[in-house]
Amino acid sequence: MKKILLAVILGTFFLSGCMKTTEKETKTIIVKTDGEERTGDELKIVAVIKIKPEAVTDILPIFQAVVQGSQEEEGCISYNLHQDVSDPTKFIMLEEWRSQAAIDFHNNTDHYKTFKAASADMVAGMEVSIMKLVY
């Protein structure tokens, strides 16, 4: 009888440790990547920019200026420009920001406003996605 009672008590103890709580828990997400701590507030932007064929050469220094200025911003984690190897008119800007506030600040900087104005007549189309980390 003592063995059965002990087995029931131990079984209940171990099962209770495996059960999920039904209360909503709030946790800060921290993901370490290359030694960087992440909070879960970081956002990534993927901007696919189609440039008019005749403007590809002219837009490169404009892109360079916005990349350099953006990389120097405090809220910028990364900001890089990529060109499609099979379509030289297609560029992809991959950005990562510490928060929406950092993006808002970026959108009001002189280098970003200059980029928007200088590239307006060279851009044939643009699609921008803002994403957050899920896993």
N, C-alpha and C. Protein backbone atom coordinates (compact mmCIF):
# COMPACT_ATOMS: atom_id res chain seq x y z
N MET A 1 0.82 -1.19 0.00
CA MET A 1 0.00 0.00 0.00
C MET A 1 0.87 1.26 0.00
N LYS A 2 1.93 1.24 0.80
CA LYS A 2 2.84 2.39 0.86
C LYS A 2 3.49 2.63 -0.49
N LYS A 3 3.82 1.55 -1.21
CA LYS A 3 4.47 1.67 -2.52
C LYS A 3 3.51 2.30 -3.54
N ILE A 4 2.25 1.90 -3.46
CA ILE A 4 1.25 2.45 -4.38
C ILE A 4 1.03 3.94 -4.09
N LEU A 5 0.92 4.29 -2.83
CA LEU A 5 0.75 5.68 -2.45
C LEU A 5 1.95 6.52 -2.87
N LEU A 6 3.15 5.99 -2.68
CA LEU A 6 4.37 6.69 -3.09
C LEU A 6 4.39 6.87 -4.61
N ALA A 7 3.99 5.84 -5.35
CA ALA A 7 3.95 5.92 -6.81
C ALA A 7 2.95 6.98 -7.28
N VAL A 8 1.79 7.06 -6.63
CA VAL A 8 0.78 8.06 -6.99
C VAL A 8 1.29 9.46 -6.69
N ILE A 9 1.92 9.65 -5.56
CA ILE A 9 2.45 10.97 -5.19
C ILE A 9 3.55 11.39 -6.14
N LEU A 10 4.49 10.49 -6.41
CA LEU A 10 5.58 10.81 -7.34
C LEU A 10 5.05 11.06 -8.75
N GLY A 11 4.11 10.25 -9.18
CA GLY A 11 3.52 10.43 -10.52
C GLY A 11 2.84 11.78 -10.64
N THR A 12 2.10 12.16 -9.63
CA THR A 12 1.43 13.47 -9.63
C THR A 12 2.45 14.59 -9.65
N PHE A 13 3.52 14.43 -8.90
CA PHE A 13 4.57 15.45 -8.85
C PHE A 13 5.21 15.63 -10.21
N PHE A 14 5.59 14.52 -10.88
CA PHE A 14 6.25 14.61 -12.18
C PHE A 14 5.30 15.11 -13.26
N LEU A 15 4.05 14.71 -13.22
CA LEU A 15 3.08 15.18 -14.22
C LEU A 15 2.80 16.66 -14.07
N SER A 16 2.74 17.13 -12.84
CA SER A 16 2.47 18.55 -12.64
C SER A 16 3.61 19.41 -13.17
N GLY A 17 4.81 18.88 -13.16
CA GLY A 17 5.96 19.61 -13.70
C GLY A 17 5.94 19.68 -15.21
N CYS A 18 5.24 18.77 -15.87
CA CYS A 18 5.19 18.73 -17.33
C CYS A 18 3.99 19.47 -17.90
N MET A 19 3.06 19.83 -17.05
CA MET A 19 1.84 20.46 -17.54
C MET A 19 2.11 21.92 -17.89
N LYS A 20 1.41 22.38 -18.91
CA LYS A 20 1.54 23.77 -19.33
C LYS A 20 0.62 24.64 -18.49
N THR A 21 1.06 25.85 -18.23
CA THR A 21 0.20 26.77 -17.50
C THR A 21 -0.77 27.40 -18.48
N THR A 22 -1.95 27.68 -18.01
CA THR A 22 -2.95 28.29 -18.87
C THR A 22 -2.94 29.81 -18.77
N GLU A 23 -2.19 30.34 -17.81
CA GLU A 23 -2.10 31.78 -17.68
C GLU A 23 -1.25 32.34 -18.81
N LYS A 24 -1.63 33.50 -19.25
CA LYS A 24 -0.86 34.16 -20.31
C LYS A 24 0.40 34.75 -19.69
N GLU A 25 1.55 34.29 -20.21
CA GLU A 25 2.82 34.78 -19.71
C GLU A 25 3.38 35.80 -20.69
N THR A 26 3.96 36.87 -20.19
CA THR A 26 4.61 37.84 -21.04
C THR A 26 6.10 37.72 -20.84
N LYS A 27 6.81 37.46 -21.92
CA LYS A 27 8.25 37.29 -21.87
C LYS A 27 8.89 38.20 -22.91
N THR A 28 10.08 38.65 -22.62
CA THR A 28 10.87 39.37 -23.59
C THR A 28 11.67 38.34 -24.38
N ILE A 29 11.56 38.39 -25.69
CA ILE A 29 12.29 37.46 -26.53
C ILE A 29 13.72 37.95 -26.65
N ILE A 30 14.65 37.07 -26.38
CA ILE A 30 16.05 37.42 -26.56
C ILE A 30 16.69 36.34 -27.41
N VAL A 31 17.13 36.72 -28.58
CA VAL A 31 17.80 35.82 -29.49
C VAL A 31 19.20 36.34 -29.67
N LYS A 32 20.19 35.53 -29.43
CA LYS A 32 21.56 35.98 -29.60
C LYS A 32 22.06 35.54 -30.97
N THR A 33 22.43 36.50 -31.77
CA THR A 33 22.97 36.26 -33.09
C THR A 33 24.30 37.01 -33.17
N ASP A 34 25.37 36.29 -33.38
CA ASP A 34 26.69 36.90 -33.45
C ASP A 34 26.96 37.78 -32.24
N GLY A 35 26.51 37.33 -31.07
CA GLY A 35 26.76 38.09 -29.85
C GLY A 35 25.79 39.24 -29.61
N GLU A 36 24.88 39.49 -30.54
CA GLU A 36 23.91 40.57 -30.40
C GLU A 36 22.68 40.07 -29.64
N GLU A 37 22.24 40.83 -28.67
CA GLU A 37 20.99 40.48 -28.00
C GLU A 37 19.84 41.13 -28.74
N ARG A 38 18.76 40.38 -28.90
CA ARG A 38 17.57 40.86 -29.58
C ARG A 38 16.40 40.84 -28.61
N THR A 39 15.53 41.82 -28.72
CA THR A 39 14.39 41.92 -27.81
C THR A 39 13.10 41.40 -28.42
N GLY A 40 13.05 41.25 -29.71
CA GLY A 40 11.81 40.88 -30.38
C GLY A 40 11.11 42.10 -30.96
N ASP A 41 11.60 43.30 -30.62
CA ASP A 41 11.03 44.52 -31.17
C ASP A 41 11.65 44.87 -32.52
N GLU A 42 12.74 44.19 -32.87
CA GLU A 42 13.43 44.49 -34.12
C GLU A 42 12.53 44.18 -35.31
N LEU A 43 12.71 44.98 -36.36
CA LEU A 43 11.93 44.81 -37.58
C LEU A 43 12.86 44.73 -38.77
N LYS A 44 12.48 43.93 -39.75
CA LYS A 44 13.24 43.83 -40.99
C LYS A 44 12.41 44.41 -42.11
N ILE A 45 13.10 45.09 -42.99
CA ILE A 45 12.44 45.65 -44.17
C ILE A 45 13.08 45.03 -45.40
N VAL A 46 12.23 44.58 -46.31
CA VAL A 46 12.69 44.10 -47.60
C VAL A 46 12.05 45.03 -48.63
N ALA A 47 12.89 45.80 -49.28
CA ALA A 47 12.40 46.73 -50.31
C ALA A 47 12.91 46.25 -51.66
N VAL A 48 11.99 45.84 -52.52
CA VAL A 48 12.33 45.43 -53.88
C VAL A 48 12.10 46.64 -54.77
N ILE A 49 13.19 47.12 -55.37
CA ILE A 49 13.13 48.36 -56.14
C ILE A 49 13.51 48.07 -57.59
N LYS A 50 12.60 48.38 -58.48
CA LYS A 50 12.84 48.21 -59.92
C LYS A 50 13.23 49.57 -60.48
N ILE A 51 14.40 49.63 -61.09
CA ILE A 51 14.95 50.88 -61.64
C ILE A 51 14.77 50.90 -63.16
N LYS A 52 14.50 52.05 -63.70
CA LYS A 52 14.40 52.19 -65.16
C LYS A 52 15.78 51.82 -65.76
N PRO A 53 15.79 51.04 -66.84
CA PRO A 53 17.06 50.56 -67.40
C PRO A 53 18.09 51.65 -67.67
N GLU A 54 17.64 52.78 -68.13
CA GLU A 54 18.57 53.86 -68.46
C GLU A 54 19.12 54.56 -67.21
N ALA A 55 18.59 54.25 -66.04
CA ALA A 55 18.99 54.93 -64.82
C ALA A 55 19.86 54.08 -63.88
N VAL A 56 20.14 52.83 -64.25
CA VAL A 56 20.87 51.93 -63.36
C VAL A 56 22.22 52.51 -62.94
N THR A 57 22.98 53.02 -63.86
CA THR A 57 24.30 53.57 -63.54
C THR A 57 24.18 54.84 -62.71
N ASP A 58 23.21 55.67 -63.03
CA ASP A 58 23.05 56.95 -62.32
C ASP A 58 22.57 56.78 -60.87
N ILE A 59 21.83 55.71 -60.60
CA ILE A 59 21.28 55.56 -59.25
C ILE A 59 22.29 54.97 -58.26
N LEU A 60 23.33 54.34 -58.74
CA LEU A 60 24.29 53.69 -57.83
C LEU A 60 24.88 54.62 -56.78
N PRO A 61 25.35 55.82 -57.13
CA PRO A 61 25.87 56.71 -56.08
C PRO A 61 24.77 57.21 -55.13
N ILE A 62 23.55 57.27 -55.61
CA ILE A 62 22.42 57.67 -54.75
C ILE A 62 22.14 56.56 -53.73
N PHE A 63 22.15 55.32 -54.21
CA PHE A 63 22.02 54.18 -53.31
C PHE A 63 23.16 54.15 -52.29
N GLN A 64 24.38 54.39 -52.76
CA GLN A 64 25.53 54.33 -51.88
C GLN A 64 25.40 55.34 -50.73
N ALA A 65 24.94 56.52 -51.04
CA ALA A 65 24.79 57.56 -50.01
C ALA A 65 23.74 57.18 -48.96
N VAL A 66 22.61 56.63 -49.39
CA VAL A 66 21.57 56.26 -48.42
C VAL A 66 22.01 55.05 -47.59
N VAL A 67 22.74 54.12 -48.19
CA VAL A 67 23.23 52.96 -47.44
C VAL A 67 24.21 53.42 -46.38
N GLN A 68 25.17 54.24 -46.77
CA GLN A 68 26.19 54.71 -45.83
C GLN A 68 25.56 55.51 -44.69
N GLY A 69 24.69 56.42 -45.02
CA GLY A 69 24.03 57.23 -43.98
C GLY A 69 23.18 56.39 -43.05
N SER A 70 22.48 55.42 -43.60
CA SER A 70 21.60 54.57 -42.80
C SER A 70 22.39 53.65 -41.87
N GLN A 71 23.49 53.12 -42.36
CA GLN A 71 24.32 52.23 -41.54
C GLN A 71 24.91 52.95 -40.33
N GLU A 72 25.01 54.25 -40.40
CA GLU A 72 25.56 55.04 -39.29
C GLU A 72 24.51 55.42 -38.25
N GLU A 73 23.25 55.15 -38.54
CA GLU A 73 22.19 55.49 -37.59
C GLU A 73 22.22 54.57 -36.38
N GLU A 74 21.94 55.13 -35.22
CA GLU A 74 21.99 54.37 -33.97
C GLU A 74 21.02 53.18 -33.96
N GLY A 75 19.85 53.34 -34.53
CA GLY A 75 18.85 52.27 -34.51
C GLY A 75 18.98 51.25 -35.61
N CYS A 76 20.00 51.39 -36.46
CA CYS A 76 20.20 50.47 -37.58
C CYS A 76 21.04 49.28 -37.14
N ILE A 77 20.53 48.08 -37.37
CA ILE A 77 21.30 46.86 -37.12
C ILE A 77 22.05 46.48 -38.40
N SER A 78 21.36 46.53 -39.52
CA SER A 78 22.00 46.29 -40.82
C SER A 78 21.18 46.97 -41.91
N TYR A 79 21.88 47.33 -42.98
CA TYR A 79 21.24 48.04 -44.09
C TYR A 79 22.13 47.81 -45.31
N ASN A 80 21.69 46.94 -46.21
CA ASN A 80 22.52 46.56 -47.35
C ASN A 80 21.72 46.49 -48.63
N LEU A 81 22.37 46.84 -49.72
CA LEU A 81 21.76 46.83 -51.04
C LEU A 81 22.27 45.63 -51.82
N HIS A 82 21.36 44.96 -52.53
CA HIS A 82 21.70 43.81 -53.36
C HIS A 82 21.12 44.04 -54.75
N GLN A 83 21.84 43.54 -55.76
CA GLN A 83 21.38 43.66 -57.14
C GLN A 83 21.17 42.25 -57.68
N ASP A 84 20.05 42.05 -58.34
CA ASP A 84 19.72 40.75 -58.93
C ASP A 84 20.74 40.42 -60.02
N VAL A 85 21.32 39.22 -59.99
CA VAL A 85 22.35 38.87 -60.97
C VAL A 85 21.77 38.61 -62.36
N SER A 86 20.49 38.28 -62.44
CA SER A 86 19.89 38.04 -63.75
C SER A 86 19.07 39.23 -64.27
N ASP A 87 18.85 40.22 -63.42
CA ASP A 87 18.11 41.42 -63.82
C ASP A 87 18.76 42.64 -63.18
N PRO A 88 19.65 43.32 -63.90
CA PRO A 88 20.39 44.44 -63.30
C PRO A 88 19.53 45.65 -62.94
N THR A 89 18.26 45.63 -63.31
CA THR A 89 17.37 46.75 -62.93
C THR A 89 16.64 46.47 -61.62
N LYS A 90 16.85 45.30 -61.06
CA LYS A 90 16.16 44.90 -59.82
C LYS A 90 17.14 44.94 -58.64
N PHE A 91 16.81 45.77 -57.67
CA PHE A 91 17.62 45.93 -56.46
C PHE A 91 16.77 45.54 -55.26
N ILE A 92 17.43 44.98 -54.27
CA ILE A 92 16.73 44.63 -53.02
C ILE A 92 17.51 45.23 -51.86
N MET A 93 16.83 46.05 -51.10
CA MET A 93 17.40 46.64 -49.91
C MET A 93 16.93 45.79 -48.73
N LEU A 94 17.90 45.20 -48.01
CA LEU A 94 17.59 44.41 -46.82
C LEU A 94 18.02 45.22 -45.61
N GLU A 95 17.06 45.51 -44.75
CA GLU A 95 17.31 46.37 -43.59
C GLU A 95 16.86 45.67 -42.32
N GLU A 96 17.55 45.97 -41.23
CA GLU A 96 17.08 45.53 -39.92
C GLU A 96 17.24 46.68 -38.96
N TRP A 97 16.14 46.95 -38.24
CA TRP A 97 16.07 48.08 -37.32
C TRP A 97 15.72 47.61 -35.92
N ARG A 98 16.18 48.33 -34.93
CA ARG A 98 15.94 47.96 -33.53
C ARG A 98 14.47 48.09 -33.12
N SER A 99 13.72 48.97 -33.80
CA SER A 99 12.32 49.20 -33.42
C SER A 99 11.62 50.01 -34.51
N GLN A 100 10.31 50.14 -34.35
CA GLN A 100 9.55 51.00 -35.27
C GLN A 100 9.99 52.45 -35.10
N ALA A 101 10.34 52.83 -33.88
CA ALA A 101 10.83 54.20 -33.64
C ALA A 101 12.10 54.48 -34.44
N ALA A 102 12.97 53.48 -34.56
CA ALA A 102 14.20 53.64 -35.34
C ALA A 102 13.87 53.83 -36.82
N ILE A 103 12.86 53.11 -37.31
CA ILE A 103 12.43 53.27 -38.71
C ILE A 103 11.84 54.65 -38.92
N ASP A 104 11.02 55.09 -37.98
CA ASP A 104 10.41 56.42 -38.08
C ASP A 104 11.49 57.49 -38.12
N PHE A 105 12.50 57.35 -37.27
CA PHE A 105 13.61 58.30 -37.26
C PHE A 105 14.32 58.27 -38.62
N HIS A 106 14.61 57.07 -39.11
CA HIS A 106 15.29 56.90 -40.41
C HIS A 106 14.52 57.59 -41.54
N ASN A 107 13.21 57.42 -41.55
CA ASN A 107 12.39 58.00 -42.62
C ASN A 107 12.38 59.52 -42.61
N ASN A 108 12.87 60.12 -41.54
CA ASN A 108 12.93 61.58 -41.45
C ASN A 108 14.34 62.14 -41.50
N THR A 109 15.32 61.29 -41.82
CA THR A 109 16.71 61.78 -41.92
C THR A 109 16.92 62.48 -43.25
N ASP A 110 17.90 63.35 -43.28
CA ASP A 110 18.22 64.07 -44.51
C ASP A 110 18.68 63.11 -45.61
N HIS A 111 19.51 62.10 -45.26
CA HIS A 111 20.01 61.20 -46.32
C HIS A 111 18.88 60.37 -46.92
N TYR A 112 17.88 59.99 -46.13
CA TYR A 112 16.76 59.23 -46.68
C TYR A 112 15.87 60.13 -47.54
N LYS A 113 15.60 61.34 -47.06
CA LYS A 113 14.77 62.27 -47.85
C LYS A 113 15.47 62.63 -49.16
N THR A 114 16.79 62.79 -49.12
CA THR A 114 17.56 63.08 -50.34
C THR A 114 17.48 61.90 -51.30
N PHE A 115 17.60 60.70 -50.78
CA PHE A 115 17.49 59.49 -51.60
C PHE A 115 16.12 59.44 -52.29
N LYS A 116 15.05 59.65 -51.53
CA LYS A 116 13.71 59.59 -52.10
C LYS A 116 13.53 60.61 -53.22
N ALA A 117 13.99 61.83 -52.98
CA ALA A 117 13.84 62.88 -53.98
C ALA A 117 14.70 62.62 -55.22
N ALA A 118 15.95 62.24 -55.00
CA ALA A 118 16.89 62.04 -56.11
C ALA A 118 16.55 60.82 -56.96
N SER A 119 15.93 59.82 -56.37
CA SER A 119 15.65 58.58 -57.10
C SER A 119 14.24 58.52 -57.68
N ALA A 120 13.41 59.46 -57.35
CA ALA A 120 11.99 59.40 -57.74
C ALA A 120 11.77 59.16 -59.23
N ASP A 121 12.50 59.85 -60.08
CA ASP A 121 12.31 59.71 -61.53
C ASP A 121 13.03 58.49 -62.10
N MET A 122 13.83 57.80 -61.28
CA MET A 122 14.57 56.64 -61.75
C MET A 122 13.89 55.31 -61.39
N VAL A 123 12.97 55.36 -60.46
CA VAL A 123 12.31 54.16 -59.98
C VAL A 123 11.10 53.83 -60.85
N ALA A 124 11.08 52.58 -61.34
CA ALA A 124 9.95 52.12 -62.16
C ALA A 124 8.89 51.46 -61.29
N GLY A 125 9.28 50.97 -60.13
CA GLY A 125 8.34 50.33 -59.22
C GLY A 125 9.03 49.94 -57.92
N MET A 126 8.23 49.79 -56.87
CA MET A 126 8.81 49.44 -55.57
C MET A 126 7.77 48.68 -54.75
N GLU A 127 8.26 47.65 -54.04
CA GLU A 127 7.42 46.91 -53.11
C GLU A 127 8.19 46.80 -51.80
N VAL A 128 7.56 47.24 -50.71
CA VAL A 128 8.22 47.25 -49.42
C VAL A 128 7.43 46.39 -48.44
N SER A 129 8.13 45.50 -47.75
CA SER A 129 7.52 44.66 -46.72
C SER A 129 8.26 44.89 -45.41
N ILE A 130 7.50 45.06 -44.33
CA ILE A 130 8.09 45.18 -42.99
C ILE A 130 7.70 43.91 -42.25
N MET A 131 8.72 43.25 -41.68
CA MET A 131 8.51 41.96 -41.04
C MET A 131 9.09 41.92 -39.65
N LYS A 132 8.54 41.02 -38.84
CA LYS A 132 9.06 40.80 -37.50
C LYS A 132 9.45 39.33 -37.37
N LEU A 133 10.34 39.06 -36.44
CA LEU A 133 10.80 37.70 -36.18
C LEU A 133 9.70 36.90 -35.50
N VAL A 134 9.45 35.71 -36.00
CA VAL A 134 8.47 34.82 -35.40
C VAL A 134 9.19 33.73 -34.61
N TYR A 135 10.15 33.06 -35.21
CA TYR A 135 10.95 32.01 -34.56
C TYR A 135 12.41 32.27 -34.81
